[in-house]
Amino acid sequence: MGNQIKTTLLLTVLTLLIIAVGGAFGGKTGMIIAFLLAGGMNLFSYWFSDRMVLKMYKAREVNRSQAQDLYGMVEDLAKNAQIPMPKVYIIPQQTPNAFATGRNPQHAVVAVTEGLLELMDREEIKGVLAHELSHIKDRDILISTIAATLAGAIMVLAGMARWTAIFGGADDDEGGLGMIGLIVMSIIAPIAAVIVQMAISRSREYLADSEGAKVAGSSEGLAGALEKLGAYSQKAPMKANPATAHMFIVNPLSGGGLMKLFSTHPPLEERIARLRGRKPSTVETKGNEPGESRNRKRAEAEAFWDRLK
């Protein structure tokens, strides 16, 4: 019930944002049009957003014969999570990352990049997959896919409102906000959409980490994977659409300073610390890892980075 309420609240807020932008764009007429658009987008995204995201990243479906180890791991973990076997996709990008999508556990997909399969060891891959399967089990994918679609719609409407204001098309007679109102709305609406995504995404990532560790049978595989994922998301940011960034296990986009305040993901140090039962300040880094483990991880990282160049 908690997740259903969360989904309803998210859809309501994003729908109201679309209506608000529409109202600023064309008064009462614009608000009605935006309301119809929001309803259509909700229905369309519920059924088709998973296909849209997979197509966006040129992901290809694989079966057991094409990716035996990966398929087998997903199959075993799905049994542990007590959910139907999801479809398995591979994304042709070298930056390591992964996401899950689909409107419910019966129509779910797990997608990983080629880079993740090359960089991670078996336990780390299992940790990542278990995290994504936990999202499927908790039906978090519905939130992610609909939020991505509606956030994109808000950005499009905001862009239209901004250009309308620039070229003098603001309709005050119809109850619109005029040129200044359109400009203000075109700036505030996308920011508000990101804040909504951020608030939802942070809480569900912590939950998926915790449940994923139980599904995998150990928290260390996921903790190690998050360390590597964090390092490479900074060195080689993924070619990703910002509207879908919240769907990935770690933020695929680089950014510092103010951008960190609007991140849809919790701090990696905090996630790793929770998995290892420590405070964030005591999370092991390259400088204080045991020599053998540190050297092994450094050698793996350097070899993979050389292949990216």
Protein backbone atom coordinates (compact mmCIF):
# COMPACT_ATOMS: atom_id res chain seq x y z
CA MET A 1 0.00 0.00 0.00
CA GLY A 2 2.87 2.40 0.79
CA ASN A 3 4.31 2.09 -2.70
CA GLN A 4 0.88 2.61 -4.28
CA ILE A 5 0.41 5.82 -2.29
CA LYS A 6 3.89 6.97 -3.30
CA THR A 7 3.12 6.30 -6.95
CA THR A 8 -0.16 8.19 -6.74
CA LEU A 9 1.47 11.20 -5.09
CA LEU A 10 4.24 11.30 -7.69
CA LEU A 11 1.85 11.11 -10.61
CA THR A 12 -0.36 13.76 -9.04
CA VAL A 13 2.50 16.23 -8.55
CA LEU A 14 3.91 15.74 -12.04
CA THR A 15 0.45 15.92 -13.58
CA LEU A 16 -0.22 19.20 -11.75
CA LEU A 17 3.07 20.55 -13.05
CA ILE A 18 2.05 19.76 -16.62
CA ILE A 19 -1.31 21.43 -16.05
CA ALA A 20 0.38 24.48 -14.49
CA VAL A 21 2.73 24.90 -17.43
CA GLY A 22 -0.21 24.48 -19.78
CA GLY A 23 -2.16 27.11 -17.88
CA ALA A 24 0.74 29.55 -18.09
CA PHE A 25 1.18 28.71 -21.75
CA GLY A 26 -2.43 29.34 -22.81
CA GLY A 27 -4.71 30.20 -19.90
CA LYS A 28 -7.82 28.07 -19.46
CA THR A 29 -7.52 26.60 -22.94
CA GLY A 30 -3.89 25.69 -22.32
CA MET A 31 -4.76 24.13 -18.97
CA ILE A 32 -7.43 21.92 -20.54
CA ILE A 33 -5.07 20.86 -23.32
CA ALA A 34 -2.33 20.15 -20.79
CA PHE A 35 -4.73 18.10 -18.65
CA LEU A 36 -5.66 15.95 -21.63
CA LEU A 37 -1.97 15.63 -22.53
CA ALA A 38 -1.10 14.55 -18.99
CA GLY A 39 -3.84 11.91 -18.97
CA GLY A 40 -2.71 10.57 -22.32
CA MET A 41 0.95 10.55 -21.25
CA ASN A 42 0.11 8.64 -18.07
CA LEU A 43 -1.76 5.96 -20.01
CA PHE A 44 0.84 5.76 -22.78
CA SER A 45 3.82 5.63 -20.41
CA TYR A 46 2.21 2.87 -18.34
CA TRP A 47 2.09 0.58 -21.37
CA PHE A 48 5.00 1.67 -23.55
CA SER A 49 7.65 3.55 -21.54
CA ASP A 50 9.78 0.41 -21.04
CA ARG A 51 10.08 -0.06 -24.81
CA MET A 52 10.91 3.61 -25.27
CA VAL A 53 13.76 3.54 -22.75
CA LEU A 54 15.23 0.32 -24.16
CA LYS A 55 15.11 1.74 -27.68
CA MET A 56 16.68 4.98 -26.48
CA TYR A 57 19.76 3.07 -25.30
CA LYS A 58 19.79 0.62 -28.23
CA ALA A 59 19.55 -2.28 -25.80
CA ARG A 60 19.34 -5.78 -27.28
CA GLU A 61 17.57 -8.73 -25.71
CA VAL A 62 19.63 -11.84 -24.98
CA ASN A 63 18.62 -15.41 -24.17
CA ARG A 64 20.37 -18.22 -22.34
CA SER A 65 22.44 -19.32 -25.34
CA GLN A 66 23.63 -15.77 -26.06
CA ALA A 67 24.61 -14.83 -22.48
CA GLN A 68 24.61 -18.01 -20.42
CA ASP A 69 26.26 -16.67 -17.25
CA LEU A 70 24.25 -13.44 -17.13
CA TYR A 71 20.95 -15.17 -17.91
CA GLY A 72 21.63 -17.87 -15.33
CA MET A 73 22.39 -15.34 -12.61
CA VAL A 74 19.19 -13.41 -13.31
CA GLU A 75 17.20 -16.65 -13.28
CA ASP A 76 18.61 -17.78 -9.92
CA LEU A 77 18.18 -14.38 -8.30
CA ALA A 78 14.61 -14.06 -9.59
CA LYS A 79 13.80 -17.33 -7.84
CA ASN A 80 15.34 -15.99 -4.62
CA ALA A 81 13.25 -12.82 -4.94
CA GLN A 82 10.14 -14.88 -5.74
CA ILE A 83 9.31 -12.95 -8.90
CA PRO A 84 8.82 -14.08 -12.53
CA MET A 85 11.91 -14.29 -14.72
CA PRO A 86 12.39 -10.86 -16.34
CA LYS A 87 13.71 -10.31 -19.84
CA VAL A 88 17.45 -9.64 -20.04
CA TYR A 89 18.97 -6.88 -22.16
CA ILE A 90 22.52 -5.67 -22.80
CA ILE A 91 23.26 -2.00 -23.52
CA PRO A 92 26.12 -1.37 -26.01
CA GLN A 93 28.02 1.12 -23.86
CA GLN A 94 31.36 0.72 -22.11
CA THR A 95 30.47 2.75 -19.02
CA PRO A 96 29.36 0.27 -16.33
CA ASN A 97 25.74 0.71 -15.21
CA ALA A 98 22.37 -1.05 -15.08
CA PHE A 99 18.65 -0.41 -14.74
CA ALA A 100 15.33 -2.23 -14.58
CA THR A 101 12.10 -1.24 -16.29
CA GLY A 102 8.61 -2.56 -17.02
CA ARG A 103 5.15 -1.83 -15.68
CA ASN A 104 4.98 -4.81 -13.27
CA PRO A 105 6.89 -7.98 -12.30
CA GLN A 106 5.15 -9.92 -15.08
CA HIS A 107 6.43 -7.50 -17.74
CA ALA A 108 9.84 -6.56 -16.36
CA VAL A 109 13.26 -6.08 -17.92
CA VAL A 110 16.78 -5.96 -16.49
CA ALA A 111 19.39 -4.18 -18.60
CA VAL A 112 23.15 -3.99 -18.02
CA THR A 113 25.90 -2.34 -20.04
CA GLU A 114 28.70 -4.22 -21.73
CA GLY A 115 31.11 -2.28 -19.54
CA LEU A 116 29.54 -3.60 -16.36
CA LEU A 117 29.96 -7.20 -17.51
CA GLU A 118 33.63 -6.56 -18.31
CA LEU A 119 34.53 -4.66 -15.14
CA MET A 120 32.66 -6.55 -12.41
CA ASP A 121 33.41 -9.97 -10.96
CA ARG A 122 30.62 -12.50 -10.54
CA GLU A 123 29.63 -11.52 -6.99
CA GLU A 124 29.51 -7.85 -7.92
CA ILE A 125 27.32 -8.55 -10.96
CA LYS A 126 25.00 -10.59 -8.74
CA GLY A 127 24.81 -7.68 -6.31
CA VAL A 128 23.83 -5.26 -9.09
CA LEU A 129 21.26 -7.66 -10.53
CA ALA A 130 19.75 -8.34 -7.10
CA HIS A 131 19.39 -4.60 -6.54
CA GLU A 132 17.50 -4.23 -9.81
CA LEU A 133 15.31 -7.25 -9.12
CA SER A 134 14.35 -5.67 -5.80
CA HIS A 135 13.08 -2.65 -7.70
CA ILE A 136 10.97 -5.02 -9.79
CA LYS A 137 9.61 -6.82 -6.75
CA ASP A 138 8.63 -3.54 -5.08
CA ARG A 139 7.11 -2.22 -8.34
CA ASP A 140 9.43 0.79 -8.23
CA ILE A 141 9.86 0.51 -11.99
CA LEU A 142 6.37 1.92 -12.49
CA ILE A 143 7.41 5.06 -10.64
CA SER A 144 10.66 5.36 -12.60
CA THR A 145 9.25 4.89 -16.07
CA ILE A 146 6.24 7.14 -15.62
CA ALA A 147 8.32 9.82 -13.90
CA ALA A 148 10.82 9.79 -16.77
CA THR A 149 8.06 10.18 -19.36
CA LEU A 150 6.20 12.93 -17.50
CA ALA A 151 9.39 14.81 -16.64
CA GLY A 152 10.24 14.82 -20.33
CA ALA A 153 6.77 16.16 -21.14
CA ILE A 154 7.20 18.96 -18.59
CA MET A 155 10.53 19.94 -20.13
CA VAL A 156 9.00 20.03 -23.60
CA LEU A 157 6.08 22.19 -22.46
CA ALA A 158 8.42 24.47 -20.54
CA GLY A 159 10.55 24.89 -23.65
CA MET A 160 7.47 25.74 -25.70
CA ALA A 161 6.39 28.27 -23.07
CA ARG A 162 9.84 29.90 -23.09
CA TRP A 163 9.90 30.27 -26.87
CA THR A 164 6.34 31.60 -26.83
CA ALA A 165 7.40 34.29 -24.37
CA ILE A 166 10.47 35.18 -26.43
CA PHE A 167 8.48 35.58 -29.65
CA GLY A 168 5.59 37.44 -28.01
CA GLY A 169 2.96 34.72 -28.10
CA ALA A 170 1.86 34.99 -24.45
CA ASP A 171 -1.94 35.11 -24.18
CA ASP A 172 -3.01 37.35 -21.30
CA ASP A 173 -6.62 37.55 -22.50
CA GLU A 174 -7.07 33.79 -22.08
CA GLY A 175 -5.89 33.95 -18.50
CA GLY A 176 -2.26 33.14 -19.21
CA LEU A 177 0.57 34.58 -17.14
CA GLY A 178 2.01 36.77 -19.87
CA MET A 179 5.63 36.94 -20.98
CA ILE A 180 7.21 37.18 -17.52
CA GLY A 181 4.98 34.45 -16.14
CA LEU A 182 5.87 32.13 -19.00
CA ILE A 183 9.58 32.66 -18.51
CA VAL A 184 9.32 32.07 -14.76
CA MET A 185 7.19 28.96 -15.25
CA SER A 186 9.56 27.58 -17.91
CA ILE A 187 12.39 27.77 -15.36
CA ILE A 188 10.57 26.61 -12.22
CA ALA A 189 8.63 23.67 -13.70
CA PRO A 190 11.63 21.55 -14.83
CA ILE A 191 13.39 22.20 -11.50
CA ALA A 192 10.28 21.13 -9.59
CA ALA A 193 10.05 17.96 -11.70
CA VAL A 194 13.65 17.07 -10.86
CA ILE A 195 13.06 17.67 -7.14
CA VAL A 196 10.09 15.29 -7.16
CA GLN A 197 12.13 12.59 -8.89
CA MET A 198 15.01 13.16 -6.47
CA ALA A 199 12.88 12.76 -3.34
CA ILE A 200 11.34 9.50 -4.54
CA SER A 201 14.50 8.02 -6.01
CA ARG A 202 16.69 8.50 -2.94
CA SER A 203 14.39 6.59 -0.62
CA ARG A 204 13.81 3.70 -3.01
CA GLU A 205 17.54 3.26 -3.69
CA TYR A 206 18.27 2.65 -0.03
CA LEU A 207 15.46 0.10 0.14
CA ALA A 208 16.61 -1.69 -3.03
CA ASP A 209 20.16 -1.87 -1.66
CA SER A 210 18.97 -3.50 1.54
CA GLU A 211 16.61 -5.95 -0.13
CA GLY A 212 19.07 -6.65 -2.92
CA ALA A 213 21.69 -7.74 -0.41
CA LYS A 214 19.20 -10.25 1.02
CA VAL A 215 18.32 -11.57 -2.44
CA ALA A 216 22.01 -12.00 -3.35
CA GLY A 217 22.81 -13.58 0.02
CA SER A 218 25.56 -11.04 0.77
CA SER A 219 25.96 -7.27 0.86
CA GLU A 220 29.66 -7.20 -0.08
CA GLY A 221 29.13 -7.90 -3.77
CA LEU A 222 26.83 -4.88 -4.17
CA ALA A 223 29.07 -2.69 -1.98
CA GLY A 224 32.10 -3.52 -4.13
CA ALA A 225 30.12 -2.91 -7.30
CA LEU A 226 28.98 0.52 -6.07
CA GLU A 227 32.60 1.49 -5.42
CA LYS A 228 33.58 0.67 -8.99
CA LEU A 229 30.43 2.18 -10.48
CA GLY A 230 31.00 5.44 -8.62
CA ALA A 231 34.57 5.73 -9.85
CA TYR A 232 33.76 5.10 -13.51
CA SER A 233 30.64 7.25 -13.65
CA GLN A 234 32.96 10.17 -12.92
CA LYS A 235 35.77 9.14 -15.29
CA ALA A 236 33.58 8.14 -18.23
CA PRO A 237 30.01 9.46 -17.88
CA MET A 238 27.44 7.44 -19.73
CA LYS A 239 25.66 8.83 -22.79
CA ALA A 240 22.34 9.10 -21.01
CA ASN A 241 19.18 11.19 -21.21
CA PRO A 242 18.87 13.26 -17.99
CA ALA A 243 15.16 12.38 -17.80
CA THR A 244 16.08 8.69 -17.31
CA ALA A 245 19.11 9.16 -15.05
CA HIS A 246 17.14 8.20 -11.93
CA MET A 247 16.45 4.72 -13.35
CA PHE A 248 20.08 3.59 -13.18
CA ILE A 249 21.74 1.99 -10.16
CA VAL A 250 24.15 4.97 -9.99
CA ASN A 251 23.76 8.37 -11.61
CA PRO A 252 25.14 7.96 -15.17
CA LEU A 253 25.82 11.68 -15.55
CA SER A 254 28.81 13.56 -14.21
CA GLY A 255 28.28 16.65 -12.15
CA GLY A 256 29.59 18.43 -9.12
CA GLY A 257 28.84 21.45 -7.00
CA LEU A 258 25.21 22.53 -7.31
CA MET A 259 24.35 19.50 -9.46
CA LYS A 260 24.95 17.22 -6.46
CA LEU A 261 22.13 18.98 -4.62
CA PHE A 262 19.71 17.81 -7.33
CA SER A 263 21.02 14.25 -7.63
CA THR A 264 18.34 11.57 -7.86
CA HIS A 265 20.68 9.14 -6.09
CA PRO A 266 21.82 9.08 -2.45
CA PRO A 267 25.55 9.59 -1.82
CA LEU A 268 27.44 6.43 -2.74
CA GLU A 269 29.49 6.67 0.47
CA GLU A 270 26.27 6.47 2.49
CA ARG A 271 24.91 3.55 0.47
CA ILE A 272 28.16 1.60 0.80
CA ALA A 273 28.38 2.36 4.51
CA ARG A 274 24.85 1.08 5.12
CA LEU A 275 25.58 -2.12 3.25
CA ARG A 276 28.71 -2.71 5.32
CA GLY A 277 27.10 -1.64 8.60
CA ARG A 278 29.41 1.33 9.10
CA LYS A 279 29.23 5.08 9.33
CA PRO A 280 30.00 6.95 6.07
CA SER A 281 33.22 8.38 7.52
CA THR A 282 34.61 4.87 8.01
CA VAL A 283 33.98 3.63 4.47
CA GLU A 284 37.19 2.13 3.12
CA THR A 285 38.88 4.03 0.31
CA LYS A 286 41.85 3.31 -1.86
CA GLY A 287 44.13 4.82 0.72
CA ASN A 288 43.18 2.55 3.59
CA GLU A 289 42.21 -0.74 1.96
CA PRO A 290 44.34 -3.78 2.72
CA GLY A 291 47.31 -3.89 0.35
CA GLU A 292 46.35 -7.00 -1.60
CA SER A 293 42.72 -5.97 -2.11
CA ARG A 294 43.69 -2.42 -3.03
CA ASN A 295 46.25 -3.56 -5.59
CA ARG A 296 43.82 -6.02 -7.17
CA LYS A 297 41.07 -3.44 -7.53
CA ARG A 298 43.50 -0.85 -8.84
CA ALA A 299 44.84 -3.27 -11.45
CA GLU A 300 41.32 -4.16 -12.58
CA ALA A 301 40.34 -0.50 -12.76
CA GLU A 302 43.41 0.56 -14.70
CA ALA A 303 43.04 -2.29 -17.19
CA PHE A 304 39.41 -1.47 -17.82
CA TRP A 305 40.11 2.25 -18.12
CA ASP A 306 42.81 1.55 -20.72
CA ARG A 307 40.23 -0.29 -22.83
CA LEU A 308 37.93 2.73 -22.70
CA LYS A 309 40.54 5.05 -24.21
